[in-house]
């Protein structure tokens, strides 16, 4: 894949589509995609049973900088918590549980994408 900003955006969008399909195939319901506010963006908001799940999607074509899940630093996790609180404040849901998951997508140059769903990472 290209390393330009446009190429990275396209890869990210493709990864989010793959993540959304993986989540719905697992029985989750997508409630929101690419939700933005002044604090940042949530890639996917979903429901799994009675849980609200905020999903950060990380797509990579190389492990040069480590696996995609390592991109969720403590600072990123804090921002995701603040974004989750803001999303909930703007919607009428009162879930029994709220969690932050990561869907990691690794796309090797010579093979099929590897999708990993890590639950409750932050």
PDB file of N, CA and C in Angstrom:
ATOM      1  N   UNK A   1       0.840  -1.197   0.000  1.00  0.00           N
ATOM      2  CA  UNK A   1       0.000   0.000   0.000  1.00  0.00           C
ATOM      3  C   UNK A   1       0.876   1.247   0.000  1.00  0.00           C
ATOM      4  N   UNK A   2       0.335   2.314  -0.488  1.00  0.00           N
ATOM      5  CA  UNK A   2       1.077   3.557  -0.561  1.00  0.00           C
ATOM      6  C   UNK A   2       1.330   4.126   0.824  1.00  0.00           C
ATOM      7  N   UNK A   3       2.414   4.864   0.952  1.00  0.00           N
ATOM      8  CA  UNK A   3       2.732   5.465   2.235  1.00  0.00           C
ATOM      9  C   UNK A   3       2.356   6.934   2.276  1.00  0.00           C
ATOM     10  N   UNK A   4       1.671   7.426   1.260  1.00  0.00           N
ATOM     11  CA  UNK A   4       1.227   8.807   1.241  1.00  0.00           C
ATOM     12  C   UNK A   4       0.069   8.973   2.224  1.00  0.00           C
ATOM     13  N   UNK A   5      -0.237  10.224   2.544  1.00  0.00           N
ATOM     14  CA  UNK A   5      -1.366  10.490   3.435  1.00  0.00           C
ATOM     15  C   UNK A   5      -2.658   9.935   2.841  1.00  0.00           C
ATOM     16  N   UNK A   6      -2.831  10.101   1.532  1.00  0.00           N
ATOM     17  CA  UNK A   6      -4.032   9.573   0.869  1.00  0.00           C
ATOM     18  C   UNK A   6      -4.067   8.050   0.971  1.00  0.00           C
ATOM     19  N   UNK A   7      -2.918   7.405   0.770  1.00  0.00           N
ATOM     20  CA  UNK A   7      -2.831   5.952   0.872  1.00  0.00           C
ATOM     21  C   UNK A   7      -3.127   5.462   2.281  1.00  0.00           C
ATOM     22  N   UNK A   8      -2.627   6.187   3.282  1.00  0.00           N
ATOM     23  CA  UNK A   8      -2.895   5.800   4.682  1.00  0.00           C
ATOM     24  C   UNK A   8      -4.379   5.953   5.013  1.00  0.00           C
ATOM     25  N   UNK A   9      -4.980   7.034   4.522  1.00  0.00           N
ATOM     26  CA  UNK A   9      -6.425   7.233   4.754  1.00  0.00           C
ATOM     27  C   UNK A   9      -7.232   6.117   4.106  1.00  0.00           C
ATOM     28  N   UNK A  10      -6.872   5.772   2.871  1.00  0.00           N
ATOM     29  CA  UNK A  10      -7.583   4.702   2.162  1.00  0.00           C
ATOM     30  C   UNK A  10      -7.411   3.379   2.903  1.00  0.00           C
ATOM     31  N   UNK A  11      -6.205   3.102   3.359  1.00  0.00           N
ATOM     32  CA  UNK A  11      -5.963   1.880   4.128  1.00  0.00           C
ATOM     33  C   UNK A  11      -6.786   1.891   5.409  1.00  0.00           C
ATOM     34  N   UNK A  12      -6.817   3.027   6.093  1.00  0.00           N
ATOM     35  CA  UNK A  12      -7.598   3.139   7.324  1.00  0.00           C
ATOM     36  C   UNK A  12      -9.082   2.932   7.088  1.00  0.00           C
ATOM     37  N   UNK A  13      -9.613   3.531   6.022  1.00  0.00           N
ATOM     38  CA  UNK A  13     -11.033   3.358   5.703  1.00  0.00           C
ATOM     39  C   UNK A  13     -11.338   1.912   5.353  1.00  0.00           C
ATOM     40  N   UNK A  14     -10.463   1.296   4.575  1.00  0.00           N
ATOM     41  CA  UNK A  14     -10.638  -0.114   4.224  1.00  0.00           C
ATOM     42  C   UNK A  14     -10.617  -0.968   5.489  1.00  0.00           C
ATOM     43  N   UNK A  15      -9.680  -0.691   6.393  1.00  0.00           N
ATOM     44  CA  UNK A  15      -9.587  -1.433   7.650  1.00  0.00           C
ATOM     45  C   UNK A  15     -10.834  -1.268   8.501  1.00  0.00           C
ATOM     46  N   UNK A  16     -11.386  -0.062   8.540  1.00  0.00           N
ATOM     47  CA  UNK A  16     -12.612   0.173   9.311  1.00  0.00           C
ATOM     48  C   UNK A  16     -13.786  -0.602   8.722  1.00  0.00           C
ATOM     49  N   UNK A  17     -13.862  -0.679   7.390  1.00  0.00           N
ATOM     50  CA  UNK A  17     -14.923  -1.479   6.762  1.00  0.00           C
ATOM     51  C   UNK A  17     -14.776  -2.952   7.145  1.00  0.00           C
ATOM     52  N   UNK A  18     -13.550  -3.454   7.078  1.00  0.00           N
ATOM     53  CA  UNK A  18     -13.294  -4.851   7.437  1.00  0.00           C
ATOM     54  C   UNK A  18     -13.611  -5.093   8.913  1.00  0.00           C
ATOM     55  N   UNK A  19     -13.236  -4.150   9.766  1.00  0.00           N
ATOM     56  CA  UNK A  19     -13.523  -4.277  11.203  1.00  0.00           C
ATOM     57  C   UNK A  19     -15.030  -4.286  11.454  1.00  0.00           C
ATOM     58  N   UNK A  20     -15.763  -3.382  10.813  1.00  0.00           N
ATOM     59  CA  UNK A  20     -17.216  -3.323  10.992  1.00  0.00           C
ATOM     60  C   UNK A  20     -17.864  -4.635  10.558  1.00  0.00           C
ATOM     61  N   UNK A  21     -17.410  -5.187   9.442  1.00  0.00           N
ATOM     62  CA  UNK A  21     -17.953  -6.468   8.985  1.00  0.00           C
ATOM     63  C   UNK A  21     -17.639  -7.577   9.986  1.00  0.00           C
ATOM     64  N   UNK A  22     -16.426  -7.588  10.483  1.00  0.00           N
ATOM     65  CA  UNK A  22     -16.031  -8.595  11.470  1.00  0.00           C
ATOM     66  C   UNK A  22     -16.886  -8.493  12.731  1.00  0.00           C
ATOM     67  N   UNK A  23     -17.141  -7.266  13.174  1.00  0.00           N
ATOM     68  CA  UNK A  23     -17.951  -7.063  14.381  1.00  0.00           C
ATOM     69  C   UNK A  23     -19.399  -7.498  14.155  1.00  0.00           C
ATOM     70  N   UNK A  24     -19.976  -7.130  13.004  1.00  0.00           N
ATOM     71  CA  UNK A  24     -21.362  -7.532  12.739  1.00  0.00           C
ATOM     72  C   UNK A  24     -21.461  -9.040  12.539  1.00  0.00           C
ATOM     73  N   UNK A  25     -20.442  -9.632  11.914  1.00  0.00           N
ATOM     74  CA  UNK A  25     -20.427 -11.094  11.762  1.00  0.00           C
ATOM     75  C   UNK A  25     -20.395 -11.780  13.131  1.00  0.00           C
ATOM     76  N   UNK A  26     -19.822 -11.101  14.125  1.00  0.00           N
ATOM     77  CA  UNK A  26     -19.751 -11.651  15.487  1.00  0.00           C
ATOM     78  C   UNK A  26     -21.011 -11.338  16.296  1.00  0.00           C
ATOM     79  N   UNK A  27     -21.995 -10.692  15.654  1.00  0.00           N
ATOM     80  CA  UNK A  27     -23.272 -10.433  16.324  1.00  0.00           C
ATOM     81  C   UNK A  27     -23.423  -9.055  16.927  1.00  0.00           C
ATOM     82  N   UNK A  28     -22.451  -8.188  16.742  1.00  0.00           N
ATOM     83  CA  UNK A  28     -22.560  -6.834  17.283  1.00  0.00           C
ATOM     84  C   UNK A  28     -23.377  -5.959  16.336  1.00  0.00           C
ATOM     85  N   UNK A  29     -23.962  -4.912  16.875  1.00  0.00           N
ATOM     86  CA  UNK A  29     -24.752  -3.958  16.093  1.00  0.00           C
ATOM     87  C   UNK A  29     -23.978  -2.644  16.055  1.00  0.00           C
ATOM     88  N   UNK A  30     -23.707  -2.158  14.860  1.00  0.00           N
ATOM     89  CA  UNK A  30     -22.992  -0.892  14.710  1.00  0.00           C
ATOM     90  C   UNK A  30     -23.978   0.247  14.937  1.00  0.00           C
ATOM     91  N   UNK A  31     -23.651   1.136  15.863  1.00  0.00           N
ATOM     92  CA  UNK A  31     -24.509   2.273  16.182  1.00  0.00           C
ATOM     93  C   UNK A  31     -24.013   3.566  15.537  1.00  0.00           C
ATOM     94  N   UNK A  32     -22.707   3.687  15.378  1.00  0.00           N
ATOM     95  CA  UNK A  32     -22.132   4.921  14.857  1.00  0.00           C
ATOM     96  C   UNK A  32     -20.767   4.609  14.254  1.00  0.00           C
ATOM     97  N   UNK A  33     -20.393   5.389  13.251  1.00  0.00           N
ATOM     98  CA  UNK A  33     -19.076   5.233  12.612  1.00  0.00           C
ATOM     99  C   UNK A  33     -18.460   6.605  12.443  1.00  0.00           C
ATOM    100  N   UNK A  34     -17.175   6.707  12.700  1.00  0.00           N
ATOM    101  CA  UNK A  34     -16.422   7.937  12.509  1.00  0.00           C
ATOM    102  C   UNK A  34     -17.095   9.143  13.177  1.00  0.00           C
ATOM    103  N   UNK A  35     -17.535   8.928  14.421  1.00  0.00           N
ATOM    104  CA  UNK A  35     -18.180  10.007  15.185  1.00  0.00           C
ATOM    105  C   UNK A  35     -17.109  10.984  15.647  1.00  0.00           C
ATOM    106  N   UNK A  36     -17.359  12.274  15.406  1.00  0.00           N
ATOM    107  CA  UNK A  36     -16.371  13.301  15.733  1.00  0.00           C
ATOM    108  C   UNK A  36     -16.953  14.363  16.654  1.00  0.00           C
ATOM    109  N   UNK A  37     -16.070  14.902  17.475  1.00  0.00           N
ATOM    110  CA  UNK A  37     -16.369  16.085  18.268  1.00  0.00           C
ATOM    111  C   UNK A  37     -15.051  16.845  18.434  1.00  0.00           C
ATOM    112  N   UNK A  38     -15.048  17.890  19.238  1.00  0.00           N
ATOM    113  CA  UNK A  38     -13.823  18.676  19.399  1.00  0.00           C
ATOM    114  C   UNK A  38     -12.703  17.902  20.098  1.00  0.00           C
ATOM    115  N   UNK A  39     -13.012  16.788  20.747  1.00  0.00           N
ATOM    116  CA  UNK A  39     -11.993  15.980  21.423  1.00  0.00           C
ATOM    117  C   UNK A  39     -11.305  14.981  20.497  1.00  0.00           C
ATOM    118  N   UNK A  40     -11.934  14.684  19.357  1.00  0.00           N
ATOM    119  CA  UNK A  40     -11.358  13.707  18.443  1.00  0.00           C
ATOM    120  C   UNK A  40     -12.423  12.873  17.769  1.00  0.00           C
ATOM    121  N   UNK A  41     -12.069  11.639  17.463  1.00  0.00           N
ATOM    122  CA  UNK A  41     -12.951  10.761  16.693  1.00  0.00           C
ATOM    123  C   UNK A  41     -12.998   9.365  17.299  1.00  0.00           C
ATOM    124  N   UNK A  42     -14.185   8.774  17.252  1.00  0.00           N
ATOM    125  CA  UNK A  42     -14.373   7.364  17.586  1.00  0.00           C
ATOM    126  C   UNK A  42     -14.590   6.640  16.263  1.00  0.00           C
ATOM    127  N   UNK A  43     -13.808   5.586  16.026  1.00  0.00           N
ATOM    128  CA  UNK A  43     -13.931   4.852  14.766  1.00  0.00           C
ATOM    129  C   UNK A  43     -15.282   4.167  14.653  1.00  0.00           C
ATOM    130  N   UNK A  44     -15.625   3.356  15.670  1.00  0.00           N
ATOM    131  CA  UNK A  44     -16.883   2.598  15.640  1.00  0.00           C
ATOM    132  C   UNK A  44     -17.488   2.581  17.041  1.00  0.00           C
ATOM    133  N   UNK A  45     -18.787   2.796  17.110  1.00  0.00           N
ATOM    134  CA  UNK A  45     -19.547   2.587  18.345  1.00  0.00           C
ATOM    135  C   UNK A  45     -20.512   1.454  18.040  1.00  0.00           C
ATOM    136  N   UNK A  46     -20.505   0.446  18.898  1.00  0.00           N
ATOM    137  CA  UNK A  46     -21.337  -0.732  18.646  1.00  0.00           C
ATOM    138  C   UNK A  46     -22.029  -1.166  19.931  1.00  0.00           C
ATOM    139  N   UNK A  47     -22.976  -2.072  19.760  1.00  0.00           N
ATOM    140  CA  UNK A  47     -23.652  -2.690  20.902  1.00  0.00           C
ATOM    141  C   UNK A  47     -23.407  -4.186  20.819  1.00  0.00           C
ATOM    142  N   UNK A  48     -23.033  -4.740  21.947  1.00  0.00           N
ATOM    143  CA  UNK A  48     -22.863  -6.183  22.071  1.00  0.00           C
ATOM    144  C   UNK A  48     -23.699  -6.618  23.266  1.00  0.00           C
ATOM    145  N   UNK A  49     -24.878  -7.159  22.978  1.00  0.00           N
ATOM    146  CA  UNK A  49     -25.798  -7.452  24.080  1.00  0.00           C
ATOM    147  C   UNK A  49     -26.208  -6.151  24.741  1.00  0.00           C
ATOM    148  N   UNK A  50     -25.977  -6.040  26.052  1.00  0.00           N
ATOM    149  CA  UNK A  50     -26.312  -4.814  26.781  1.00  0.00           C
ATOM    150  C   UNK A  50     -25.109  -3.908  26.966  1.00  0.00           C
ATOM    151  N   UNK A  51     -24.005  -4.225  26.321  1.00  0.00           N
ATOM    152  CA  UNK A  51     -22.790  -3.422  26.449  1.00  0.00           C
ATOM    153  C   UNK A  51     -22.641  -2.464  25.281  1.00  0.00           C
ATOM    154  N   UNK A  52     -22.216  -1.249  25.597  1.00  0.00           N
ATOM    155  CA  UNK A  52     -21.814  -0.300  24.583  1.00  0.00           C
ATOM    156  C   UNK A  52     -20.318  -0.508  24.379  1.00  0.00           C
ATOM    157  N   UNK A  53     -19.911  -0.641  23.134  1.00  0.00           N
ATOM    158  CA  UNK A  53     -18.509  -0.926  22.826  1.00  0.00           C
ATOM    159  C   UNK A  53     -17.969   0.152  21.896  1.00  0.00           C
ATOM    160  N   UNK A  54     -16.960   0.855  22.377  1.00  0.00           N
ATOM    161  CA  UNK A  54     -16.250   1.830  21.556  1.00  0.00           C
ATOM    162  C   UNK A  54     -15.051   1.096  20.978  1.00  0.00           C
ATOM    163  N   UNK A  55     -14.910   1.153  19.663  1.00  0.00           N
ATOM    164  CA  UNK A  55     -13.890   0.358  18.986  1.00  0.00           C
ATOM    165  C   UNK A  55     -12.887   1.269  18.279  1.00  0.00           C
ATOM    166  N   UNK A  56     -11.640   1.090  18.628  1.00  0.00           N
ATOM    167  CA  UNK A  56     -10.531   1.738  17.917  1.00  0.00           C
ATOM    168  C   UNK A  56     -10.012   0.729  16.900  1.00  0.00           C
ATOM    169  N   UNK A  57      -9.920   1.147  15.657  1.00  0.00           N
ATOM    170  CA  UNK A  57      -9.447   0.261  14.592  1.00  0.00           C
ATOM    171  C   UNK A  57      -8.030   0.684  14.207  1.00  0.00           C
ATOM    172  N   UNK A  58      -7.134  -0.272  14.194  1.00  0.00           N
ATOM    173  CA  UNK A  58      -5.746  -0.017  13.803  1.00  0.00           C
ATOM    174  C   UNK A  58      -5.391  -0.962  12.672  1.00  0.00           C
ATOM    175  N   UNK A  59      -5.032  -0.390  11.525  1.00  0.00           N
ATOM    176  CA  UNK A  59      -4.691  -1.182  10.350  1.00  0.00           C
ATOM    177  C   UNK A  59      -3.246  -0.882   9.960  1.00  0.00           C
ATOM    178  N   UNK A  60      -2.481  -1.939   9.756  1.00  0.00           N
ATOM    179  CA  UNK A  60      -1.069  -1.786   9.393  1.00  0.00           C
ATOM    180  C   UNK A  60      -0.699  -2.775   8.286  1.00  0.00           C
ATOM    181  N   UNK A  61       0.302  -2.382   7.494  1.00  0.00           N
ATOM    182  CA  UNK A  61       0.826  -3.279   6.465  1.00  0.00           C
ATOM    183  C   UNK A  61       2.220  -3.783   6.826  1.00  0.00           C
ATOM    184  N   UNK A  62       2.777  -3.265   7.903  1.00  0.00           N
ATOM    185  CA  UNK A  62       4.085  -3.697   8.366  1.00  0.00           C
ATOM    186  C   UNK A  62       4.106  -3.697   9.887  1.00  0.00           C
ATOM    187  N   UNK A  63       4.943  -4.542  10.455  1.00  0.00           N
ATOM    188  CA  UNK A  63       5.084  -4.538  11.908  1.00  0.00           C
ATOM    189  C   UNK A  63       6.357  -3.806  12.328  1.00  0.00           C
ATOM    190  N   UNK A  64       6.874  -2.963  11.439  1.00  0.00           N
ATOM    191  CA  UNK A  64       8.089  -2.212  11.704  1.00  0.00           C
ATOM    192  C   UNK A  64       7.976  -1.395  12.996  1.00  0.00           C
ATOM    193  N   UNK A  65       6.809  -0.869  13.266  1.00  0.00           N
ATOM    194  CA  UNK A  65       6.581  -0.066  14.464  1.00  0.00           C
ATOM    195  C   UNK A  65       5.810  -0.848  15.527  1.00  0.00           C
ATOM    196  N   UNK A  66       5.833  -2.168  15.437  1.00  0.00           N
ATOM    197  CA  UNK A  66       5.120  -3.005  16.384  1.00  0.00           C
ATOM    198  C   UNK A  66       3.735  -3.337  15.859  1.00  0.00           C
ATOM    199  N   UNK A  67       3.042  -4.215  16.582  1.00  0.00           N
ATOM    200  CA  UNK A  67       1.693  -4.594  16.151  1.00  0.00           C
ATOM    201  C   UNK A  67       0.733  -3.407  16.254  1.00  0.00           C
ATOM    202  N   UNK A  68      -0.337  -3.416  15.474  1.00  0.00           N
ATOM    203  CA  UNK A  68      -1.284  -2.296  15.483  1.00  0.00           C
ATOM    204  C   UNK A  68      -1.825  -1.959  16.869  1.00  0.00           C
ATOM    205  N   UNK A  69      -2.002  -2.959  17.723  1.00  0.00           N
ATOM    206  CA  UNK A  69      -2.576  -2.684  19.042  1.00  0.00           C
ATOM    207  C   UNK A  69      -1.668  -1.837  19.917  1.00  0.00           C
ATOM    208  N   UNK A  70      -0.361  -1.836  19.651  1.00  0.00           N
ATOM    209  CA  UNK A  70       0.542  -1.016  20.452  1.00  0.00           C
ATOM    210  C   UNK A  70       0.361   0.473  20.187  1.00  0.00           C
ATOM    211  N   UNK A  71      -0.384   0.818  19.151  1.00  0.00           N
ATOM    212  CA  UNK A  71      -0.660   2.221  18.861  1.00  0.00           C
ATOM    213  C   UNK A  71      -1.649   2.821  19.857  1.00  0.00           C
ATOM    214  N   UNK A  72      -2.317   1.988  20.647  1.00  0.00           N
ATOM    215  CA  UNK A  72      -3.239   2.485  21.676  1.00  0.00           C
ATOM    216  C   UNK A  72      -2.428   2.675  22.956  1.00  0.00           C
ATOM    217  N   UNK A  73      -1.828   3.849  23.043  1.00  0.00           N
ATOM    218  CA  UNK A  73      -0.994   4.222  24.181  1.00  0.00           C
ATOM    219  C   UNK A  73      -1.887   4.619  25.365  1.00  0.00           C
ATOM    220  N   UNK A  74      -1.311   4.780  26.554  1.00  0.00           N
ATOM    221  CA  UNK A  74      -2.128   5.268  27.676  1.00  0.00           C
ATOM    222  C   UNK A  74      -2.807   6.608  27.374  1.00  0.00           C
ATOM    223  N   UNK A  75      -2.124   7.498  26.673  1.00  0.00           N
ATOM    224  CA  UNK A  75      -2.742   8.784  26.314  1.00  0.00           C
ATOM    225  C   UNK A  75      -3.915   8.577  25.369  1.00  0.00           C
ATOM    226  N   UNK A  76      -3.767   7.672  24.398  1.00  0.00           N
ATOM    227  CA  UNK A  76      -4.856   7.372  23.470  1.00  0.00           C
ATOM    228  C   UNK A  76      -6.027   6.743  24.224  1.00  0.00           C
ATOM    229  N   UNK A  77      -5.742   5.857  25.161  1.00  0.00           N
ATOM    230  CA  UNK A  77      -6.798   5.227  25.956  1.00  0.00           C
ATOM    231  C   UNK A  77      -7.555   6.279  26.770  1.00  0.00           C
ATOM    232  N   UNK A  78      -6.843   7.232  27.353  1.00  0.00           N
ATOM    233  CA  UNK A  78      -7.500   8.311  28.101  1.00  0.00           C
ATOM    234  C   UNK A  78      -8.406   9.125  27.192  1.00  0.00           C
ATOM    235  N   UNK A  79      -7.922   9.437  25.994  1.00  0.00           N
ATOM    236  CA  UNK A  79      -8.741  10.201  25.043  1.00  0.00           C
ATOM    237  C   UNK A  79      -9.973   9.410  24.631  1.00  0.00           C
ATOM    238  N   UNK A  80      -9.817   8.100  24.422  1.00  0.00           N
ATOM    239  CA  UNK A  80     -10.976   7.265  24.075  1.00  0.00           C
ATOM    240  C   UNK A  80     -12.004   7.255  25.204  1.00  0.00           C
ATOM    241  N   UNK A  81     -11.552   7.252  26.446  1.00  0.00           N
ATOM    242  CA  UNK A  81     -12.495   7.310  27.583  1.00  0.00           C
ATOM    243  C   UNK A  81     -13.258   8.632  27.579  1.00  0.00           C
ATOM    244  N   UNK A  82     -12.552   9.732  27.333  1.00  0.00           N
ATOM    245  CA  UNK A  82     -13.225  11.038  27.279  1.00  0.00           C
ATOM    246  C   UNK A  82     -14.206  11.101  26.108  1.00  0.00           C
ATOM    247  N   UNK A  83     -13.794  10.568  24.958  1.00  0.00           N
ATOM    248  CA  UNK A  83     -14.688  10.533  23.802  1.00  0.00           C
ATOM    249  C   UNK A  83     -15.925   9.687  24.080  1.00  0.00           C
ATOM    250  N   UNK A  84     -15.739   8.565  24.765  1.00  0.00           N
ATOM    251  CA  UNK A  84     -16.865   7.694  25.112  1.00  0.00           C
ATOM    252  C   UNK A  84     -17.850   8.434  26.013  1.00  0.00           C
ATOM    253  N   UNK A  85     -17.330   9.147  27.006  1.00  0.00           N
ATOM    254  CA  UNK A  85     -18.199   9.924  27.900  1.00  0.00           C
ATOM    255  C   UNK A  85     -18.966  10.981  27.119  1.00  0.00           C
ATOM    256  N   UNK A  86     -18.311  11.629  26.186  1.00  0.00           N
ATOM    257  CA  UNK A  86     -18.978  12.650  25.372  1.00  0.00           C
ATOM    258  C   UNK A  86     -20.037  12.014  24.488  1.00  0.00           C
ATOM    259  N   UNK A  87     -19.727  10.877  23.864  1.00  0.00           N
ATOM    260  CA  UNK A  87     -20.704  10.203  23.008  1.00  0.00           C
ATOM    261  C   UNK A  87     -21.945   9.849  23.822  1.00  0.00           C
ATOM    262  N   UNK A  88     -21.725   9.295  24.999  1.00  0.00           N
ATOM    263  CA  UNK A  88     -22.857   8.919  25.850  1.00  0.00           C
ATOM    264  C   UNK A  88     -23.676  10.138  26.268  1.00  0.00           C
ATOM    265  N   UNK A  89     -23.015  11.257  26.534  1.00  0.00           N
ATOM    266  CA  UNK A  89     -23.722  12.481  26.932  1.00  0.00           C
ATOM    267  C   UNK A  89     -24.607  13.008  25.810  1.00  0.00           C
ATOM    268  N   UNK A  90     -24.251  12.699  24.564  1.00  0.00           N
ATOM    269  CA  UNK A  90     -25.003  13.203  23.413  1.00  0.00           C
ATOM    270  C   UNK A  90     -26.036  12.210  22.880  1.00  0.00           C
ATOM    271  N   UNK A  91     -26.128  11.041  23.500  1.00  0.00           N
ATOM    272  CA  UNK A  91     -27.078  10.025  23.044  1.00  0.00           C
ATOM    273  C   UNK A  91     -27.939   9.569  24.231  1.00  0.00           C
ATOM    274  N   UNK A  92     -29.048   8.931  23.930  1.00  0.00           N
ATOM    275  CA  UNK A  92     -30.014   8.588  24.975  1.00  0.00           C
ATOM    276  C   UNK A  92     -29.844   7.175  25.528  1.00  0.00           C
ATOM    277  N   UNK A  93     -28.734   6.550  25.256  1.00  0.00           N
ATOM    278  CA  UNK A  93     -28.518   5.181  25.730  1.00  0.00           C
ATOM    279  C   UNK A  93     -28.033   5.163  27.172  1.00  0.00           C
ATOM    280  N   UNK A  94     -28.441   4.133  27.887  1.00  0.00           N
ATOM    281  CA  UNK A  94     -27.937   3.910  29.244  1.00  0.00           C
ATOM    282  C   UNK A  94     -27.507   2.443  29.350  1.00  0.00           C
ATOM    283  N   UNK A  95     -26.347   2.135  28.778  1.00  0.00           N
ATOM    284  CA  UNK A  95     -25.905   0.739  28.763  1.00  0.00           C
ATOM    285  C   UNK A  95     -25.511   0.252  30.153  1.00  0.00           C
ATOM    286  N   UNK A  96     -25.650  -1.053  30.367  1.00  0.00           N
ATOM    287  CA  UNK A  96     -25.233  -1.658  31.637  1.00  0.00           C
ATOM    288  C   UNK A  96     -23.719  -1.709  31.749  1.00  0.00           C
ATOM    289  N   UNK A  97     -23.067  -1.818  30.603  1.00  0.00           N
ATOM    290  CA  UNK A  97     -21.606  -1.917  30.566  1.00  0.00           C
ATOM    291  C   UNK A  97     -21.094  -1.066  29.417  1.00  0.00           C
ATOM    292  N   UNK A  98     -19.926  -0.477  29.613  1.00  0.00           N
ATOM    293  CA  UNK A  98     -19.246   0.264  28.555  1.00  0.00           C
ATOM    294  C   UNK A  98     -17.813  -0.251  28.510  1.00  0.00           C
ATOM    295  N   UNK A  99     -17.350  -0.562  27.314  1.00  0.00           N
ATOM    296  CA  UNK A  99     -15.966  -1.013  27.201  1.00  0.00           C
ATOM    297  C   UNK A  99     -15.333  -0.453  25.936  1.00  0.00           C
ATOM    298  N   UNK A 100     -14.010  -0.466  25.946  1.00  0.00           N
ATOM    299  CA  UNK A 100     -13.239  -0.002  24.797  1.00  0.00           C
ATOM    300  C   UNK A 100     -12.476  -1.201  24.258  1.00  0.00           C
ATOM    301  N   UNK A 101     -12.707  -1.492  22.986  1.00  0.00           N
ATOM    302  CA  UNK A 101     -12.055  -2.603  22.305  1.00  0.00           C
ATOM    303  C   UNK A 101     -11.138  -2.063  21.211  1.00  0.00           C
ATOM    304  N   UNK A 102     -10.249  -2.919  20.767  1.00  0.00           N
ATOM    305  CA  UNK A 102      -9.405  -2.606  19.618  1.00  0.00           C
ATOM    306  C   UNK A 102      -9.571  -3.724  18.600  1.00  0.00           C
ATOM    307  N   UNK A 103      -9.785  -3.339  17.353  1.00  0.00           N
ATOM    308  CA  UNK A 103      -9.716  -4.298  16.263  1.00  0.00           C
ATOM    309  C   UNK A 103      -8.425  -3.991  15.519  1.00  0.00           C
ATOM    310  N   UNK A 104      -7.553  -4.962  15.528  1.00  0.00           N
ATOM    311  CA  UNK A 104      -6.246  -4.857  14.895  1.00  0.00           C
ATOM    312  C   UNK A 104      -6.298  -5.602  13.565  1.00  0.00           C
ATOM    313  N   UNK A 105      -5.891  -4.903  12.508  1.00  0.00           N
ATOM    314  CA  UNK A 105      -5.871  -5.521  11.188  1.00  0.00           C
ATOM    315  C   UNK A 105      -4.458  -5.400  10.639  1.00  0.00           C
ATOM    316  N   UNK A 106      -3.850  -6.537  10.410  1.00  0.00           N
ATOM    317  CA  UNK A 106      -2.515  -6.576   9.820  1.00  0.00           C
ATOM    318  C   UNK A 106      -2.649  -7.117   8.412  1.00  0.00           C
ATOM    319  N   UNK A 107      -2.159  -6.357   7.454  1.00  0.00           N
ATOM    320  CA  UNK A 107      -2.285  -6.724   6.053  1.00  0.00           C
ATOM    321  C   UNK A 107      -0.883  -7.016   5.502  1.00  0.00           C
ATOM    322  N   UNK A 108      -0.475  -8.276   5.515  1.00  0.00           N
ATOM    323  CA  UNK A 108       0.837  -8.593   4.949  1.00  0.00           C
ATOM    324  C   UNK A 108       0.799  -8.422   3.436  1.00  0.00           C
ATOM    325  N   UNK A 109       1.933  -8.090   2.868  1.00  0.00           N
ATOM    326  CA  UNK A 109       1.992  -7.856   1.413  1.00  0.00           C
ATOM    327  C   UNK A 109       1.694  -9.102   0.597  1.00  0.00           C
ATOM    328  N   UNK A 110       1.871 -10.273   1.191  1.00  0.00           N
ATOM    329  CA  UNK A 110       1.717 -11.510   0.418  1.00  0.00           C
ATOM    330  C   UNK A 110       0.627 -12.431   0.967  1.00  0.00           C
ATOM    331  N   UNK A 111      -0.348 -11.867   1.669  1.00  0.00           N
ATOM    332  CA  UNK A 111      -1.365 -12.756   2.225  1.00  0.00           C
ATOM    333  C   UNK A 111      -2.658 -12.055   2.569  1.00  0.00           C
ATOM    334  N   UNK A 112      -3.544 -12.812   3.213  1.00  0.00           N
ATOM    335  CA  UNK A 112      -4.851 -12.305   3.612  1.00  0.00           C
ATOM    336  C   UNK A 112      -4.731 -11.479   4.886  1.00  0.00           C
ATOM    337  N   UNK A 113      -5.622 -10.509   5.068  1.00  0.00           N
ATOM    338  CA  UNK A 113      -5.586  -9.692   6.280  1.00  0.00           C
ATOM    339  C   UNK A 113      -5.830 -10.550   7.525  1.00  0.00           C
ATOM    340  N   UNK A 114      -5.127 -10.211   8.576  1.00  0.00           N
ATOM    341  CA  UNK A 114      -5.314 -10.881   9.866  1.00  0.00           C
ATOM    342  C   UNK A 114      -6.071  -9.917  10.765  1.00  0.00           C
ATOM    343  N   UNK A 115      -7.261 -10.324  11.218  1.00  0.00           N
ATOM    344  CA  UNK A 115      -8.108  -9.483  12.056  1.00  0.00           C
ATOM    345  C   UNK A 115      -8.109 -10.053  13.464  1.00  0.00           C
ATOM    346  N   UNK A 116      -7.799  -9.190  14.429  1.00  0.00           N
ATOM    347  CA  UNK A 116      -7.809  -9.590  15.831  1.00  0.00           C
ATOM    348  C   UNK A 116      -8.657  -8.607  16.613  1.00  0.00           C
ATOM    349  N   UNK A 117      -9.609  -9.120  17.383  1.00  0.00           N
ATOM    350  CA  UNK A 117     -10.499  -8.288  18.191  1.00  0.00           C
ATOM    351  C   UNK A 117     -10.113  -8.462  19.658  1.00  0.00           C
ATOM    352  N   UNK A 118      -9.593  -7.396  20.238  1.00  0.00           N
ATOM    353  CA  UNK A 118      -9.205  -7.404  21.646  1.00  0.00           C
ATOM    354  C   UNK A 118     -10.237  -6.629  22.440  1.00  0.00           C
ATOM    355  N   UNK A 119     -10.821  -7.276  23.442  1.00  0.00           N
ATOM    356  CA  UNK A 119     -11.888  -6.661  24.217  1.00  0.00           C
ATOM    357  C   UNK A 119     -11.369  -6.020  25.495  1.00  0.00           C
ATOM    358  N   UNK A 120     -12.037  -4.928  25.885  1.00  0.00           N
ATOM    359  CA  UNK A 120     -11.775  -4.247  27.157  1.00  0.00           C
ATOM    360  C   UNK A 120     -10.295  -3.916  27.340  1.00  0.00           C
ATOM    361  N   UNK A 121      -9.716  -3.218  26.370  1.00  0.00           N
ATOM    362  CA  UNK A 121      -8.293  -2.912  26.429  1.00  0.00           C
ATOM    363  C   UNK A 121      -7.990  -1.663  27.252  1.00  0.00           C
ATOM    364  N   UNK A 122      -8.992  -0.833  27.478  1.00  0.00           N
ATOM    365  CA  UNK A 122      -8.755   0.403  28.228  1.00  0.00           C
ATOM    366  C   UNK A 122      -9.887   0.648  29.197  1.00  0.00           C
TER     367      UNK A 122
END
